[in-house]
């Protein structure tokens, strides 16, 4: 796959470029949050309760006098770390399981994927709530939940590609040369599975953002006083009449990031298809 062709195909669409800029902007906020945020995200000030947006508080303040811009900036770090880290681990584990088990086949494949079917029979949010009810809410728990919820999906995608490749002649040739199992899996199969998994990873990332925000909104994700965007929406819903900006700001951040990731995912799909 030519890298230059891939790059040209990826940025040929203005929407994809816009999505990339959006995601890069949030990533910059996550990496350099302490340098960008003017205030502590947890600092309360009774004299600044429910202040509308102003030059000193770009997004206004909430019911406890906390600066919303600072909370959005620091919240980006948690959102990208949890959604991105969970998605990355799910893709790694799902790829390892999907490629190896699908190639080996037999009773092992049947057992593993029937177990995954059982997990996939439940909606992702319901499964996440059940898991968090068992282990308790925390950052680590949310990360593990994302891994458990999305690993079976990635594994099934990897399996579907491997099943189409197994009968191919180059796999038979590798077997006839008596190549090691690791060689067949990671040198022959993985490079052909990777493009499909790249698209799937981008899609899982956008779903993971929604999942993290949903768990925060339900009060079982990242706990206060941490600036979780979903938790910020939960705290602001009863304050809408008094401070509508405290609801609009985190909701807009969630929507904007999801839109950016989806535009990037479409760009990845198109770029891989054209390269």
C-alpha atoms as a PDB file:
ATOM      1  CA  UNK A   1       0.000   0.000   0.000  1.00  0.00           C
ATOM      2  CA  UNK A   2       1.550   3.280  -1.153  1.00  0.00           C
ATOM      3  CA  UNK A   3       1.628   5.756   1.733  1.00  0.00           C
ATOM      4  CA  UNK A   4       1.470   8.828  -0.528  1.00  0.00           C
ATOM      5  CA  UNK A   5      -1.557   7.486  -2.374  1.00  0.00           C
ATOM      6  CA  UNK A   6      -3.194   6.667   0.924  1.00  0.00           C
ATOM      7  CA  UNK A   7      -2.568  10.181   2.213  1.00  0.00           C
ATOM      8  CA  UNK A   8      -3.922  11.805  -0.944  1.00  0.00           C
ATOM      9  CA  UNK A   9      -7.037   9.657  -0.858  1.00  0.00           C
ATOM     10  CA  UNK A  10      -7.540  10.365   2.829  1.00  0.00           C
ATOM     11  CA  UNK A  11      -7.399  14.167   2.502  1.00  0.00           C
ATOM     12  CA  UNK A  12      -9.125  14.412  -0.877  1.00  0.00           C
ATOM     13  CA  UNK A  13     -12.477  15.001   0.815  1.00  0.00           C
ATOM     14  CA  UNK A  14     -12.875  18.308   2.715  1.00  0.00           C
ATOM     15  CA  UNK A  15     -15.184  16.611   5.234  1.00  0.00           C
ATOM     16  CA  UNK A  16     -12.465  14.111   6.129  1.00  0.00           C
ATOM     17  CA  UNK A  17      -9.934  16.898   6.510  1.00  0.00           C
ATOM     18  CA  UNK A  18     -12.386  18.792   8.757  1.00  0.00           C
ATOM     19  CA  UNK A  19     -12.914  15.686  10.885  1.00  0.00           C
ATOM     20  CA  UNK A  20      -9.169  15.216  11.209  1.00  0.00           C
ATOM     21  CA  UNK A  21      -8.755  18.831  12.334  1.00  0.00           C
ATOM     22  CA  UNK A  22     -11.509  18.408  14.935  1.00  0.00           C
ATOM     23  CA  UNK A  23      -9.978  15.253  16.384  1.00  0.00           C
ATOM     24  CA  UNK A  24      -6.490  16.786  16.309  1.00  0.00           C
ATOM     25  CA  UNK A  25      -7.832  19.818  18.170  1.00  0.00           C
ATOM     26  CA  UNK A  26      -9.306  17.694  20.955  1.00  0.00           C
ATOM     27  CA  UNK A  27      -6.127  15.630  21.082  1.00  0.00           C
ATOM     28  CA  UNK A  28      -4.130  18.839  21.513  1.00  0.00           C
ATOM     29  CA  UNK A  29      -6.406  19.892  24.376  1.00  0.00           C
ATOM     30  CA  UNK A  30      -5.937  16.485  25.995  1.00  0.00           C
ATOM     31  CA  UNK A  31      -2.154  16.595  25.710  1.00  0.00           C
ATOM     32  CA  UNK A  32      -1.621  20.215  26.731  1.00  0.00           C
ATOM     33  CA  UNK A  33      -4.632  20.716  29.007  1.00  0.00           C
ATOM     34  CA  UNK A  34      -2.753  22.254  31.966  1.00  0.00           C
ATOM     35  CA  UNK A  35      -1.186  24.813  29.627  1.00  0.00           C
ATOM     36  CA  UNK A  36      -4.482  25.711  27.944  1.00  0.00           C
ATOM     37  CA  UNK A  37      -6.976  25.679  30.820  1.00  0.00           C
ATOM     38  CA  UNK A  38      -7.035  28.996  32.722  1.00  0.00           C
ATOM     39  CA  UNK A  39      -8.415  27.481  35.961  1.00  0.00           C
ATOM     40  CA  UNK A  40      -8.462  24.247  37.894  1.00  0.00           C
ATOM     41  CA  UNK A  41     -11.304  22.012  36.661  1.00  0.00           C
ATOM     42  CA  UNK A  42     -12.416  21.270  40.231  1.00  0.00           C
ATOM     43  CA  UNK A  43     -11.944  24.717  41.801  1.00  0.00           C
ATOM     44  CA  UNK A  44     -15.241  26.040  43.191  1.00  0.00           C
ATOM     45  CA  UNK A  45     -16.110  29.709  43.650  1.00  0.00           C
ATOM     46  CA  UNK A  46     -19.426  30.696  45.256  1.00  0.00           C
ATOM     47  CA  UNK A  47     -19.086  34.201  43.807  1.00  0.00           C
ATOM     48  CA  UNK A  48     -19.078  32.841  40.235  1.00  0.00           C
ATOM     49  CA  UNK A  49     -22.021  30.446  40.341  1.00  0.00           C
ATOM     50  CA  UNK A  50     -23.861  30.138  36.975  1.00  0.00           C
ATOM     51  CA  UNK A  51     -21.958  32.924  35.278  1.00  0.00           C
ATOM     52  CA  UNK A  52     -22.739  33.186  31.531  1.00  0.00           C
ATOM     53  CA  UNK A  53     -19.929  33.002  28.956  1.00  0.00           C
ATOM     54  CA  UNK A  54     -17.577  35.963  29.187  1.00  0.00           C
ATOM     55  CA  UNK A  55     -13.963  36.862  28.308  1.00  0.00           C
ATOM     56  CA  UNK A  56     -12.793  35.596  31.705  1.00  0.00           C
ATOM     57  CA  UNK A  57     -14.897  32.394  31.476  1.00  0.00           C
ATOM     58  CA  UNK A  58     -15.266  31.489  27.803  1.00  0.00           C
ATOM     59  CA  UNK A  59     -17.943  28.869  28.342  1.00  0.00           C
ATOM     60  CA  UNK A  60     -19.368  30.263  31.588  1.00  0.00           C
ATOM     61  CA  UNK A  61     -19.457  28.540  34.966  1.00  0.00           C
ATOM     62  CA  UNK A  62     -21.623  25.805  36.465  1.00  0.00           C
ATOM     63  CA  UNK A  63     -23.730  25.525  39.620  1.00  0.00           C
ATOM     64  CA  UNK A  64     -20.608  25.295  41.779  1.00  0.00           C
ATOM     65  CA  UNK A  65     -18.771  28.178  40.132  1.00  0.00           C
ATOM     66  CA  UNK A  66     -16.367  25.920  38.224  1.00  0.00           C
ATOM     67  CA  UNK A  67     -15.007  27.156  34.900  1.00  0.00           C
ATOM     68  CA  UNK A  68     -16.625  25.112  32.108  1.00  0.00           C
ATOM     69  CA  UNK A  69     -13.871  25.713  29.576  1.00  0.00           C
ATOM     70  CA  UNK A  70     -11.303  24.262  31.969  1.00  0.00           C
ATOM     71  CA  UNK A  71     -13.547  21.288  32.680  1.00  0.00           C
ATOM     72  CA  UNK A  72     -14.032  20.630  28.962  1.00  0.00           C
ATOM     73  CA  UNK A  73     -10.271  20.796  28.368  1.00  0.00           C
ATOM     74  CA  UNK A  74      -9.449  18.392  31.197  1.00  0.00           C
ATOM     75  CA  UNK A  75     -12.440  16.211  30.316  1.00  0.00           C
ATOM     76  CA  UNK A  76     -11.010  15.727  26.826  1.00  0.00           C
ATOM     77  CA  UNK A  77      -8.063  13.936  28.415  1.00  0.00           C
ATOM     78  CA  UNK A  78     -10.285  11.408  30.181  1.00  0.00           C
ATOM     79  CA  UNK A  79     -12.547  10.958  27.177  1.00  0.00           C
ATOM     80  CA  UNK A  80      -9.750  10.294  24.697  1.00  0.00           C
ATOM     81  CA  UNK A  81      -7.737   8.193  27.134  1.00  0.00           C
ATOM     82  CA  UNK A  82     -10.665   5.952  28.065  1.00  0.00           C
ATOM     83  CA  UNK A  83     -12.349   5.726  24.657  1.00  0.00           C
ATOM     84  CA  UNK A  84      -9.080   5.620  22.714  1.00  0.00           C
ATOM     85  CA  UNK A  85      -7.241   3.324  25.101  1.00  0.00           C
ATOM     86  CA  UNK A  86     -10.198   0.952  25.422  1.00  0.00           C
ATOM     87  CA  UNK A  87     -10.653   0.837  21.658  1.00  0.00           C
ATOM     88  CA  UNK A  88      -6.946   0.174  21.090  1.00  0.00           C
ATOM     89  CA  UNK A  89      -6.932  -2.714  23.549  1.00  0.00           C
ATOM     90  CA  UNK A  90     -10.154  -4.113  22.114  1.00  0.00           C
ATOM     91  CA  UNK A  91      -8.675  -4.021  18.603  1.00  0.00           C
ATOM     92  CA  UNK A  92      -5.459  -5.711  19.768  1.00  0.00           C
ATOM     93  CA  UNK A  93      -7.222  -8.482  21.704  1.00  0.00           C
ATOM     94  CA  UNK A  94      -9.955  -8.875  19.092  1.00  0.00           C
ATOM     95  CA  UNK A  95      -7.373  -9.190  16.331  1.00  0.00           C
ATOM     96  CA  UNK A  96      -5.297 -11.733  18.235  1.00  0.00           C
ATOM     97  CA  UNK A  97      -8.334 -13.853  19.047  1.00  0.00           C
ATOM     98  CA  UNK A  98     -10.136 -13.442  15.738  1.00  0.00           C
ATOM     99  CA  UNK A  99      -7.173 -14.170  13.466  1.00  0.00           C
ATOM    100  CA  UNK A 100      -5.693 -17.056  15.451  1.00  0.00           C
ATOM    101  CA  UNK A 101      -8.928 -18.837  16.409  1.00  0.00           C
ATOM    102  CA  UNK A 102     -10.483 -18.462  12.942  1.00  0.00           C
ATOM    103  CA  UNK A 103      -7.364 -19.899  11.318  1.00  0.00           C
ATOM    104  CA  UNK A 104      -7.157 -22.840  13.720  1.00  0.00           C
ATOM    105  CA  UNK A 105     -10.893 -23.538  13.418  1.00  0.00           C
ATOM    106  CA  UNK A 106     -12.467 -26.644  14.916  1.00  0.00           C
ATOM    107  CA  UNK A 107     -14.054 -26.875  18.342  1.00  0.00           C
ATOM    108  CA  UNK A 108     -11.996 -23.951  19.659  1.00  0.00           C
ATOM    109  CA  UNK A 109     -13.476 -21.575  17.083  1.00  0.00           C
ATOM    110  CA  UNK A 110     -16.973 -22.832  17.828  1.00  0.00           C
ATOM    111  CA  UNK A 111     -16.545 -22.403  21.589  1.00  0.00           C
ATOM    112  CA  UNK A 112     -14.979 -18.949  21.480  1.00  0.00           C
ATOM    113  CA  UNK A 113     -17.403 -17.426  19.013  1.00  0.00           C
ATOM    114  CA  UNK A 114     -20.479 -18.937  20.633  1.00  0.00           C
ATOM    115  CA  UNK A 115     -19.316 -17.227  23.841  1.00  0.00           C
ATOM    116  CA  UNK A 116     -18.882 -13.976  21.928  1.00  0.00           C
ATOM    117  CA  UNK A 117     -22.350 -14.398  20.433  1.00  0.00           C
ATOM    118  CA  UNK A 118     -23.736 -14.560  23.957  1.00  0.00           C
ATOM    119  CA  UNK A 119     -22.035 -11.289  24.849  1.00  0.00           C
ATOM    120  CA  UNK A 120     -23.174  -9.624  21.626  1.00  0.00           C
ATOM    121  CA  UNK A 121     -26.769 -10.659  22.260  1.00  0.00           C
ATOM    122  CA  UNK A 122     -26.931  -7.935  24.923  1.00  0.00           C
ATOM    123  CA  UNK A 123     -26.894  -4.230  24.007  1.00  0.00           C
ATOM    124  CA  UNK A 124     -23.500  -2.655  24.653  1.00  0.00           C
ATOM    125  CA  UNK A 125     -24.809  -0.223  27.272  1.00  0.00           C
ATOM    126  CA  UNK A 126     -26.651  -2.965  29.181  1.00  0.00           C
ATOM    127  CA  UNK A 127     -23.565  -5.188  29.183  1.00  0.00           C
ATOM    128  CA  UNK A 128     -21.463  -2.243  30.362  1.00  0.00           C
ATOM    129  CA  UNK A 129     -23.893  -1.541  33.222  1.00  0.00           C
ATOM    130  CA  UNK A 130     -23.826  -5.175  34.299  1.00  0.00           C
ATOM    131  CA  UNK A 131     -20.033  -5.246  34.313  1.00  0.00           C
ATOM    132  CA  UNK A 132     -19.742  -1.951  36.186  1.00  0.00           C
ATOM    133  CA  UNK A 133     -22.294  -3.180  38.709  1.00  0.00           C
ATOM    134  CA  UNK A 134     -19.970  -6.092  39.410  1.00  0.00           C
ATOM    135  CA  UNK A 135     -16.659  -4.217  39.627  1.00  0.00           C
ATOM    136  CA  UNK A 136     -17.761  -0.715  40.658  1.00  0.00           C
ATOM    137  CA  UNK A 137     -17.346   2.623  38.873  1.00  0.00           C
ATOM    138  CA  UNK A 138     -13.852   3.979  38.228  1.00  0.00           C
ATOM    139  CA  UNK A 139     -11.620   4.960  35.335  1.00  0.00           C
ATOM    140  CA  UNK A 140     -10.045   1.502  35.199  1.00  0.00           C
ATOM    141  CA  UNK A 141     -13.474  -0.140  35.277  1.00  0.00           C
ATOM    142  CA  UNK A 142     -14.708   1.966  32.360  1.00  0.00           C
ATOM    143  CA  UNK A 143     -11.568   1.090  30.391  1.00  0.00           C
ATOM    144  CA  UNK A 144     -12.055  -2.626  31.046  1.00  0.00           C
ATOM    145  CA  UNK A 145     -15.728  -2.407  30.129  1.00  0.00           C
ATOM    146  CA  UNK A 146     -14.898  -0.922  26.726  1.00  0.00           C
ATOM    147  CA  UNK A 147     -12.408  -3.725  26.105  1.00  0.00           C
ATOM    148  CA  UNK A 148     -14.899  -6.444  27.073  1.00  0.00           C
ATOM    149  CA  UNK A 149     -17.762  -4.910  25.085  1.00  0.00           C
ATOM    150  CA  UNK A 150     -15.878  -4.303  21.829  1.00  0.00           C
ATOM    151  CA  UNK A 151     -13.355  -7.162  21.696  1.00  0.00           C
ATOM    152  CA  UNK A 152     -15.992  -9.684  20.479  1.00  0.00           C
ATOM    153  CA  UNK A 153     -17.088  -7.307  17.701  1.00  0.00           C
ATOM    154  CA  UNK A 154     -13.527  -6.777  16.459  1.00  0.00           C
ATOM    155  CA  UNK A 155     -12.837 -10.520  16.707  1.00  0.00           C
ATOM    156  CA  UNK A 156     -15.851 -11.330  14.534  1.00  0.00           C
ATOM    157  CA  UNK A 157     -14.741  -8.811  11.907  1.00  0.00           C
ATOM    158  CA  UNK A 158     -11.234 -10.303  11.876  1.00  0.00           C
ATOM    159  CA  UNK A 159     -12.687 -13.814  11.682  1.00  0.00           C
ATOM    160  CA  UNK A 160     -14.865 -12.962   8.691  1.00  0.00           C
ATOM    161  CA  UNK A 161     -11.819 -11.759   6.748  1.00  0.00           C
ATOM    162  CA  UNK A 162      -9.672 -14.748   7.737  1.00  0.00           C
ATOM    163  CA  UNK A 163     -12.372 -17.208   6.649  1.00  0.00           C
ATOM    164  CA  UNK A 164     -12.291 -15.709   3.153  1.00  0.00           C
ATOM    165  CA  UNK A 165      -8.482 -15.920   3.039  1.00  0.00           C
ATOM    166  CA  UNK A 166      -7.956 -19.456   4.399  1.00  0.00           C
ATOM    167  CA  UNK A 167      -8.769 -21.263   1.113  1.00  0.00           C
ATOM    168  CA  UNK A 168      -6.463 -18.984  -0.902  1.00  0.00           C
ATOM    169  CA  UNK A 169      -3.441 -20.445  -2.639  1.00  0.00           C
ATOM    170  CA  UNK A 170      -0.827 -18.460  -0.739  1.00  0.00           C
ATOM    171  CA  UNK A 171      -2.041 -19.952   2.549  1.00  0.00           C
ATOM    172  CA  UNK A 172      -1.852 -23.445   1.088  1.00  0.00           C
ATOM    173  CA  UNK A 173       1.642 -22.657  -0.197  1.00  0.00           C
ATOM    174  CA  UNK A 174       2.732 -21.551   3.273  1.00  0.00           C
ATOM    175  CA  UNK A 175       1.411 -24.808   4.723  1.00  0.00           C
ATOM    176  CA  UNK A 176       3.219 -26.852   2.096  1.00  0.00           C
ATOM    177  CA  UNK A 177       6.451 -25.029   2.945  1.00  0.00           C
ATOM    178  CA  UNK A 178       5.787 -26.122   6.533  1.00  0.00           C
ATOM    179  CA  UNK A 179       5.885 -22.530   7.788  1.00  0.00           C
ATOM    180  CA  UNK A 180       5.405 -21.877  11.484  1.00  0.00           C
ATOM    181  CA  UNK A 181       1.922 -20.960  12.710  1.00  0.00           C
ATOM    182  CA  UNK A 182       3.116 -17.535  13.814  1.00  0.00           C
ATOM    183  CA  UNK A 183       4.459 -16.848  10.307  1.00  0.00           C
ATOM    184  CA  UNK A 184       1.157 -17.717   8.651  1.00  0.00           C
ATOM    185  CA  UNK A 185      -0.879 -15.662  11.131  1.00  0.00           C
ATOM    186  CA  UNK A 186       1.186 -12.501  11.354  1.00  0.00           C
ATOM    187  CA  UNK A 187       3.079 -12.405   8.052  1.00  0.00           C
ATOM    188  CA  UNK A 188       0.497 -13.806   5.665  1.00  0.00           C
ATOM    189  CA  UNK A 189      -2.913 -13.074   7.197  1.00  0.00           C
ATOM    190  CA  UNK A 190      -2.523  -9.991   9.396  1.00  0.00           C
ATOM    191  CA  UNK A 191      -1.415  -7.560   6.625  1.00  0.00           C
ATOM    192  CA  UNK A 192      -4.558  -8.455   4.671  1.00  0.00           C
ATOM    193  CA  UNK A 193      -6.817  -8.162   7.712  1.00  0.00           C
ATOM    194  CA  UNK A 194      -5.332  -4.834   8.865  1.00  0.00           C
ATOM    195  CA  UNK A 195      -7.139  -2.508   6.396  1.00  0.00           C
ATOM    196  CA  UNK A 196     -10.552  -3.795   7.438  1.00  0.00           C
ATOM    197  CA  UNK A 197      -9.577  -3.549  11.096  1.00  0.00           C
ATOM    198  CA  UNK A 198      -8.420   0.050  10.613  1.00  0.00           C
ATOM    199  CA  UNK A 199     -11.914   1.030   9.517  1.00  0.00           C
ATOM    200  CA  UNK A 200     -13.481  -0.996  12.321  1.00  0.00           C
ATOM    201  CA  UNK A 201     -11.175   0.630  14.895  1.00  0.00           C
ATOM    202  CA  UNK A 202     -12.254   4.110  13.800  1.00  0.00           C
ATOM    203  CA  UNK A 203     -15.919   3.140  14.095  1.00  0.00           C
ATOM    204  CA  UNK A 204     -15.413   1.483  17.486  1.00  0.00           C
ATOM    205  CA  UNK A 205     -13.692   4.647  18.709  1.00  0.00           C
ATOM    206  CA  UNK A 206     -16.760   6.759  17.952  1.00  0.00           C
ATOM    207  CA  UNK A 207     -19.025   4.241  19.678  1.00  0.00           C
ATOM    208  CA  UNK A 208     -16.666   4.139  22.659  1.00  0.00           C
ATOM    209  CA  UNK A 209     -16.976   7.922  23.050  1.00  0.00           C
ATOM    210  CA  UNK A 210     -20.745   7.576  23.248  1.00  0.00           C
ATOM    211  CA  UNK A 211     -20.398   4.692  25.705  1.00  0.00           C
ATOM    212  CA  UNK A 212     -18.089   6.624  28.039  1.00  0.00           C
ATOM    213  CA  UNK A 213     -20.399   9.651  27.919  1.00  0.00           C
ATOM    214  CA  UNK A 214     -23.473   7.489  28.514  1.00  0.00           C
ATOM    215  CA  UNK A 215     -21.919   5.807  31.532  1.00  0.00           C
ATOM    216  CA  UNK A 216     -20.967   9.206  32.925  1.00  0.00           C
ATOM    217  CA  UNK A 217     -24.506  10.503  32.375  1.00  0.00           C
ATOM    218  CA  UNK A 218     -25.923   7.487  34.220  1.00  0.00           C
ATOM    219  CA  UNK A 219     -23.547   8.144  37.114  1.00  0.00           C
ATOM    220  CA  UNK A 220     -21.668   4.837  36.853  1.00  0.00           C
ATOM    221  CA  UNK A 221     -18.640   6.034  34.896  1.00  0.00           C
ATOM    222  CA  UNK A 222     -15.950   8.464  35.989  1.00  0.00           C
ATOM    223  CA  UNK A 223     -16.970   9.819  39.368  1.00  0.00           C
ATOM    224  CA  UNK A 224     -17.143  13.445  40.580  1.00  0.00           C
ATOM    225  CA  UNK A 225     -15.443  15.824  40.932  1.00  0.00           C
ATOM    226  CA  UNK A 226     -13.616  14.644  37.787  1.00  0.00           C
ATOM    227  CA  UNK A 227     -14.651  16.640  34.681  1.00  0.00           C
ATOM    228  CA  UNK A 228     -16.306  13.846  32.720  1.00  0.00           C
ATOM    229  CA  UNK A 229     -18.429  15.218  29.868  1.00  0.00           C
ATOM    230  CA  UNK A 230     -21.317  12.801  30.419  1.00  0.00           C
ATOM    231  CA  UNK A 231     -21.289  13.558  34.131  1.00  0.00           C
ATOM    232  CA  UNK A 232     -21.323  17.284  33.333  1.00  0.00           C
ATOM    233  CA  UNK A 233     -24.508  16.787  31.289  1.00  0.00           C
ATOM    234  CA  UNK A 234     -26.055  14.873  34.192  1.00  0.00           C
ATOM    235  CA  UNK A 235     -25.222  17.623  36.668  1.00  0.00           C
ATOM    236  CA  UNK A 236     -26.528  20.360  34.341  1.00  0.00           C
ATOM    237  CA  UNK A 237     -29.851  18.829  33.328  1.00  0.00           C
ATOM    238  CA  UNK A 238     -31.701  20.230  36.351  1.00  0.00           C
ATOM    239  CA  UNK A 239     -29.990  23.599  35.907  1.00  0.00           C
ATOM    240  CA  UNK A 240     -31.057  24.124  32.312  1.00  0.00           C
ATOM    241  CA  UNK A 241     -33.487  26.966  33.027  1.00  0.00           C
ATOM    242  CA  UNK A 242     -30.897  28.836  35.112  1.00  0.00           C
ATOM    243  CA  UNK A 243     -27.714  28.057  33.166  1.00  0.00           C
ATOM    244  CA  UNK A 244     -28.436  26.464  29.768  1.00  0.00           C
ATOM    245  CA  UNK A 245     -24.790  26.854  28.717  1.00  0.00           C
ATOM    246  CA  UNK A 246     -23.725  24.349  31.364  1.00  0.00           C
ATOM    247  CA  UNK A 247     -25.701  21.714  29.437  1.00  0.00           C
ATOM    248  CA  UNK A 248     -24.997  22.878  25.903  1.00  0.00           C
ATOM    249  CA  UNK A 249     -21.214  23.020  26.297  1.00  0.00           C
ATOM    250  CA  UNK A 250     -20.473  19.370  27.277  1.00  0.00           C
ATOM    251  CA  UNK A 251     -23.193  18.067  24.956  1.00  0.00           C
ATOM    252  CA  UNK A 252     -21.657  20.023  22.077  1.00  0.00           C
ATOM    253  CA  UNK A 253     -18.177  18.698  22.935  1.00  0.00           C
ATOM    254  CA  UNK A 254     -19.441  15.092  22.804  1.00  0.00           C
ATOM    255  CA  UNK A 255     -21.284  15.664  19.521  1.00  0.00           C
ATOM    256  CA  UNK A 256     -18.366  17.487  17.896  1.00  0.00           C
ATOM    257  CA  UNK A 257     -15.845  14.807  18.807  1.00  0.00           C
ATOM    258  CA  UNK A 258     -18.113  12.009  17.576  1.00  0.00           C
ATOM    259  CA  UNK A 259     -18.729  13.842  14.304  1.00  0.00           C
ATOM    260  CA  UNK A 260     -14.996  14.377  13.849  1.00  0.00           C
ATOM    261  CA  UNK A 261     -14.202  10.718  14.482  1.00  0.00           C
ATOM    262  CA  UNK A 262     -16.971   9.556  12.122  1.00  0.00           C
ATOM    263  CA  UNK A 263     -15.688  11.819   9.356  1.00  0.00           C
ATOM    264  CA  UNK A 264     -12.204  10.401   9.905  1.00  0.00           C
ATOM    265  CA  UNK A 265     -13.591   6.846   9.810  1.00  0.00           C
ATOM    266  CA  UNK A 266     -15.230   7.542   6.462  1.00  0.00           C
ATOM    267  CA  UNK A 267     -11.940   8.949   5.203  1.00  0.00           C
ATOM    268  CA  UNK A 268     -10.069   5.833   6.343  1.00  0.00           C
ATOM    269  CA  UNK A 269     -12.599   3.591   4.602  1.00  0.00           C
ATOM    270  CA  UNK A 270     -12.415   5.516   1.362  1.00  0.00           C
ATOM    271  CA  UNK A 271      -8.610   5.879   1.435  1.00  0.00           C
ATOM    272  CA  UNK A 272      -8.093   2.161   1.962  1.00  0.00           C
ATOM    273  CA  UNK A 273     -10.574   1.362  -0.776  1.00  0.00           C
ATOM    274  CA  UNK A 274      -8.768   3.620  -3.258  1.00  0.00           C
ATOM    275  CA  UNK A 275      -5.216   2.572  -2.325  1.00  0.00           C
END
